[in-house]
């Protein structure tokens, strides 16, 4: 069953372009992952620096395998360091 992962991040304006570059790297890597269906990236209009990615995966197992990918972990650590806090994840499945 397909799952949607909401990924929320908040970064200071001065670091927004650096975050954007890291997200692009991760997006390119995601395209070749087993079970990846699609992804969309949004920024909040009413709160600068807040972004959300909605990522769709064929299964929860596919998402979990992606979270363990060594290259992804390295980029995610860079992102969290830039943010100064852990990225927030919410996982949903279709009903």
C-alpha atoms as a PDB file:
ATOM      1  CA  UNK A   1       0.000   0.000   0.000  1.00  0.00           C
ATOM      2  CA  UNK A   2       1.338   3.451  -0.942  1.00  0.00           C
ATOM      3  CA  UNK A   3       2.597   5.819   1.743  1.00  0.00           C
ATOM      4  CA  UNK A   4       3.036   9.574   1.772  1.00  0.00           C
ATOM      5  CA  UNK A   5       5.782  11.107   3.850  1.00  0.00           C
ATOM      6  CA  UNK A   6       5.500  14.755   4.907  1.00  0.00           C
ATOM      7  CA  UNK A   7       8.945  16.172   5.572  1.00  0.00           C
ATOM      8  CA  UNK A   8       9.034  19.544   7.328  1.00  0.00           C
ATOM      9  CA  UNK A   9      12.019  21.839   7.736  1.00  0.00           C
ATOM     10  CA  UNK A  10      12.675  25.403   8.884  1.00  0.00           C
ATOM     11  CA  UNK A  11      15.861  27.279   8.044  1.00  0.00           C
ATOM     12  CA  UNK A  12      17.097  30.838   8.543  1.00  0.00           C
ATOM     13  CA  UNK A  13      16.856  33.046   5.447  1.00  0.00           C
ATOM     14  CA  UNK A  14      20.636  33.331   5.159  1.00  0.00           C
ATOM     15  CA  UNK A  15      20.904  29.525   4.844  1.00  0.00           C
ATOM     16  CA  UNK A  16      17.950  28.989   2.500  1.00  0.00           C
ATOM     17  CA  UNK A  17      20.060  28.665  -0.657  1.00  0.00           C
ATOM     18  CA  UNK A  18      22.366  26.126   0.996  1.00  0.00           C
ATOM     19  CA  UNK A  19      19.335  24.078   2.068  1.00  0.00           C
ATOM     20  CA  UNK A  20      17.918  24.258  -1.440  1.00  0.00           C
ATOM     21  CA  UNK A  21      21.152  22.819  -2.860  1.00  0.00           C
ATOM     22  CA  UNK A  22      21.136  19.918  -0.396  1.00  0.00           C
ATOM     23  CA  UNK A  23      17.471  19.183  -1.133  1.00  0.00           C
ATOM     24  CA  UNK A  24      18.209  19.102  -4.857  1.00  0.00           C
ATOM     25  CA  UNK A  25      21.019  16.584  -4.288  1.00  0.00           C
ATOM     26  CA  UNK A  26      18.701  14.398  -2.270  1.00  0.00           C
ATOM     27  CA  UNK A  27      15.913  14.716  -4.843  1.00  0.00           C
ATOM     28  CA  UNK A  28      18.219  13.505  -7.633  1.00  0.00           C
ATOM     29  CA  UNK A  29      19.223  10.489  -5.529  1.00  0.00           C
ATOM     30  CA  UNK A  30      15.599   9.738  -4.665  1.00  0.00           C
ATOM     31  CA  UNK A  31      14.628   9.360  -8.318  1.00  0.00           C
ATOM     32  CA  UNK A  32      16.578   6.102  -8.614  1.00  0.00           C
ATOM     33  CA  UNK A  33      15.347   4.501  -5.374  1.00  0.00           C
ATOM     34  CA  UNK A  34      13.241   1.364  -5.375  1.00  0.00           C
ATOM     35  CA  UNK A  35       9.624   2.157  -4.609  1.00  0.00           C
ATOM     36  CA  UNK A  36       9.868   5.915  -5.098  1.00  0.00           C
ATOM     37  CA  UNK A  37       6.762   7.253  -6.837  1.00  0.00           C
ATOM     38  CA  UNK A  38       6.884  11.041  -6.659  1.00  0.00           C
ATOM     39  CA  UNK A  39       7.772  14.093  -4.629  1.00  0.00           C
ATOM     40  CA  UNK A  40       6.751  17.732  -4.367  1.00  0.00           C
ATOM     41  CA  UNK A  41       8.487  20.540  -2.507  1.00  0.00           C
ATOM     42  CA  UNK A  42       6.593  23.505  -1.079  1.00  0.00           C
ATOM     43  CA  UNK A  43       7.500  26.674   0.798  1.00  0.00           C
ATOM     44  CA  UNK A  44       5.130  28.413   3.182  1.00  0.00           C
ATOM     45  CA  UNK A  45       3.879  31.751   1.963  1.00  0.00           C
ATOM     46  CA  UNK A  46       3.165  33.050   5.455  1.00  0.00           C
ATOM     47  CA  UNK A  47       6.366  31.854   7.147  1.00  0.00           C
ATOM     48  CA  UNK A  48       9.681  32.355   5.343  1.00  0.00           C
ATOM     49  CA  UNK A  49      12.188  29.540   5.648  1.00  0.00           C
ATOM     50  CA  UNK A  50       9.611  26.809   6.207  1.00  0.00           C
ATOM     51  CA  UNK A  51       9.473  24.069   3.606  1.00  0.00           C
ATOM     52  CA  UNK A  52       7.588  20.815   3.217  1.00  0.00           C
ATOM     53  CA  UNK A  53       8.258  17.894   0.920  1.00  0.00           C
ATOM     54  CA  UNK A  54       5.490  15.405   0.165  1.00  0.00           C
ATOM     55  CA  UNK A  55       7.140  12.176  -0.916  1.00  0.00           C
ATOM     56  CA  UNK A  56       5.152   9.176  -2.182  1.00  0.00           C
ATOM     57  CA  UNK A  57       6.478   5.622  -1.901  1.00  0.00           C
ATOM     58  CA  UNK A  58       5.049   2.274  -2.962  1.00  0.00           C
ATOM     59  CA  UNK A  59       5.448   0.898   0.567  1.00  0.00           C
ATOM     60  CA  UNK A  60       6.639   1.754   4.048  1.00  0.00           C
ATOM     61  CA  UNK A  61       9.490  -0.733   3.582  1.00  0.00           C
ATOM     62  CA  UNK A  62      10.679   1.187   0.499  1.00  0.00           C
ATOM     63  CA  UNK A  63      10.672   4.445   2.492  1.00  0.00           C
ATOM     64  CA  UNK A  64      12.545   2.840   5.381  1.00  0.00           C
ATOM     65  CA  UNK A  65      15.171   1.405   3.032  1.00  0.00           C
ATOM     66  CA  UNK A  66      15.694   4.887   1.605  1.00  0.00           C
ATOM     67  CA  UNK A  67      16.138   6.379   5.082  1.00  0.00           C
ATOM     68  CA  UNK A  68      18.998   3.917   5.675  1.00  0.00           C
ATOM     69  CA  UNK A  69      20.815   4.737   2.423  1.00  0.00           C
ATOM     70  CA  UNK A  70      24.334   5.871   3.420  1.00  0.00           C
ATOM     71  CA  UNK A  71      24.497   8.749   0.936  1.00  0.00           C
ATOM     72  CA  UNK A  72      21.079   9.959   2.061  1.00  0.00           C
ATOM     73  CA  UNK A  73      22.088   9.765   5.731  1.00  0.00           C
ATOM     74  CA  UNK A  74      25.138  11.933   5.009  1.00  0.00           C
ATOM     75  CA  UNK A  75      23.083  14.614   3.260  1.00  0.00           C
ATOM     76  CA  UNK A  76      20.368  14.450   5.920  1.00  0.00           C
ATOM     77  CA  UNK A  77      22.974  15.028   8.631  1.00  0.00           C
ATOM     78  CA  UNK A  78      24.172  18.126   6.733  1.00  0.00           C
ATOM     79  CA  UNK A  79      20.579  19.351   6.477  1.00  0.00           C
ATOM     80  CA  UNK A  80      19.866  18.852  10.176  1.00  0.00           C
ATOM     81  CA  UNK A  81      23.112  20.616  11.095  1.00  0.00           C
ATOM     82  CA  UNK A  82      22.091  23.532   8.904  1.00  0.00           C
ATOM     83  CA  UNK A  83      18.626  23.618  10.488  1.00  0.00           C
ATOM     84  CA  UNK A  84      19.940  23.312  14.032  1.00  0.00           C
ATOM     85  CA  UNK A  85      17.273  20.683  14.747  1.00  0.00           C
ATOM     86  CA  UNK A  86      16.106  17.354  13.357  1.00  0.00           C
ATOM     87  CA  UNK A  87      13.931  17.275  10.262  1.00  0.00           C
ATOM     88  CA  UNK A  88      10.317  16.370  11.090  1.00  0.00           C
ATOM     89  CA  UNK A  89       8.675  13.396   9.395  1.00  0.00           C
ATOM     90  CA  UNK A  90       5.024  12.322   9.298  1.00  0.00           C
ATOM     91  CA  UNK A  91       4.104   9.103   7.493  1.00  0.00           C
ATOM     92  CA  UNK A  92       0.613   8.409   6.168  1.00  0.00           C
ATOM     93  CA  UNK A  93      -0.929   5.574   4.203  1.00  0.00           C
ATOM     94  CA  UNK A  94      -3.919   5.600   1.873  1.00  0.00           C
ATOM     95  CA  UNK A  95      -7.139   4.274   3.333  1.00  0.00           C
END
